[in-house]
Amino acid sequence: MKQKGSWRRVDRLFIALAVLVLLLAGGWFFWFQYRPSMVRARCAAEAEKRADKDEFVYEIIYRHCLRKCGIEYTGQKEDKN
């Protein structure tokens, strides 16, 4: 009889650990994948709307919006030749 109770405790511990891992993985995915992609899409739409087809102004607005939302811009590096 005692063995049955200890298995229940192990099962509960395993389930709790599995739920914790799933929550951590979901939070990681949201913070590092989903949220930045949504911010980039929102900033691109805002920059497109405000830039009036001027590529230089678009880049400035886009980069500013990314910084404001806490995302580092990792676009093309500029050549200084």
Protein backbone atom coordinates (compact mmCIF):
# COMPACT_ATOMS: atom_id res chain seq x y z
CA MET A 1 0.00 0.00 0.00
CA LYS A 2 2.79 2.44 0.79
CA GLN A 3 4.33 2.00 -2.63
CA LYS A 4 1.16 3.14 -4.33
CA GLY A 5 1.22 6.43 -2.40
CA SER A 6 4.85 7.08 -3.24
CA TRP A 7 4.10 6.58 -6.96
CA ARG A 8 1.37 9.19 -6.72
CA ARG A 9 3.86 11.62 -5.23
CA VAL A 10 6.34 10.93 -8.04
CA ASP A 11 3.57 11.35 -10.63
CA ARG A 12 2.52 14.67 -9.11
CA LEU A 13 6.11 15.85 -8.98
CA PHE A 14 6.64 14.84 -12.62
CA ILE A 15 3.46 16.62 -13.70
CA ALA A 16 4.41 19.76 -11.78
CA LEU A 17 7.89 19.71 -13.32
CA ALA A 18 6.45 19.19 -16.82
CA VAL A 19 4.04 22.10 -16.36
CA LEU A 20 6.88 24.32 -15.12
CA VAL A 21 9.03 23.42 -18.13
CA LEU A 22 6.13 24.11 -20.52
CA LEU A 23 5.44 27.48 -18.89
CA LEU A 24 9.11 28.47 -19.08
CA ALA A 25 9.36 27.37 -22.71
CA GLY A 26 6.17 29.26 -23.58
CA GLY A 27 7.43 32.39 -21.86
CA TRP A 28 10.78 32.13 -23.62
CA PHE A 29 9.09 31.71 -27.00
CA PHE A 30 6.81 34.68 -26.39
CA TRP A 31 9.58 37.00 -25.20
CA PHE A 32 12.28 36.14 -27.74
CA GLN A 33 10.27 35.13 -30.85
CA TYR A 34 6.63 36.21 -30.91
CA ARG A 35 6.87 39.62 -29.23
CA PRO A 36 9.78 40.92 -31.34
CA SER A 37 8.10 39.82 -34.58
CA MET A 38 4.92 41.65 -33.61
CA VAL A 39 6.89 44.79 -32.65
CA ARG A 40 8.82 44.70 -35.94
CA ALA A 41 5.57 44.39 -37.92
CA ARG A 42 3.98 47.26 -35.98
CA CYS A 43 7.06 49.48 -36.40
CA ALA A 44 7.26 48.71 -40.12
CA ALA A 45 3.61 49.66 -40.60
CA GLU A 46 4.05 52.87 -38.59
CA ALA A 47 7.23 53.84 -40.46
CA GLU A 48 5.64 53.10 -43.84
CA LYS A 49 2.65 55.25 -42.98
CA ARG A 50 4.72 58.20 -41.75
CA ALA A 51 7.65 58.10 -44.23
CA ASP A 52 5.78 59.01 -47.44
CA LYS A 53 7.95 56.70 -49.62
CA ASP A 54 11.23 58.25 -48.46
CA GLU A 55 13.56 55.34 -47.63
CA PHE A 56 15.88 57.36 -45.40
CA VAL A 57 13.02 58.72 -43.28
CA TYR A 58 11.50 55.22 -43.16
CA GLU A 59 14.74 53.80 -41.67
CA ILE A 60 14.96 56.55 -39.07
CA ILE A 61 11.35 56.10 -37.95
CA TYR A 62 11.64 52.30 -38.00
CA ARG A 63 14.84 52.22 -35.93
CA HIS A 64 13.45 54.75 -33.46
CA CYS A 65 10.29 52.71 -33.01
CA LEU A 66 12.32 49.53 -32.42
CA ARG A 67 14.49 51.26 -29.81
CA LYS A 68 11.41 52.71 -28.14
CA CYS A 69 9.95 49.20 -27.83
CA GLY A 70 13.20 47.79 -26.46
CA ILE A 71 14.45 45.90 -29.50
CA GLU A 72 17.95 46.30 -30.87
CA TYR A 73 18.19 46.93 -34.60
CA THR A 74 20.26 44.22 -36.31
CA GLY A 75 19.91 45.23 -39.94
CA GLN A 76 22.54 45.75 -42.58
CA LYS A 77 25.85 47.24 -41.54
CA GLU A 78 26.77 50.46 -43.30
CA ASP A 79 29.94 50.66 -45.42
CA LYS A 80 32.18 53.56 -44.46
CA ASN A 81 34.28 53.63 -47.66
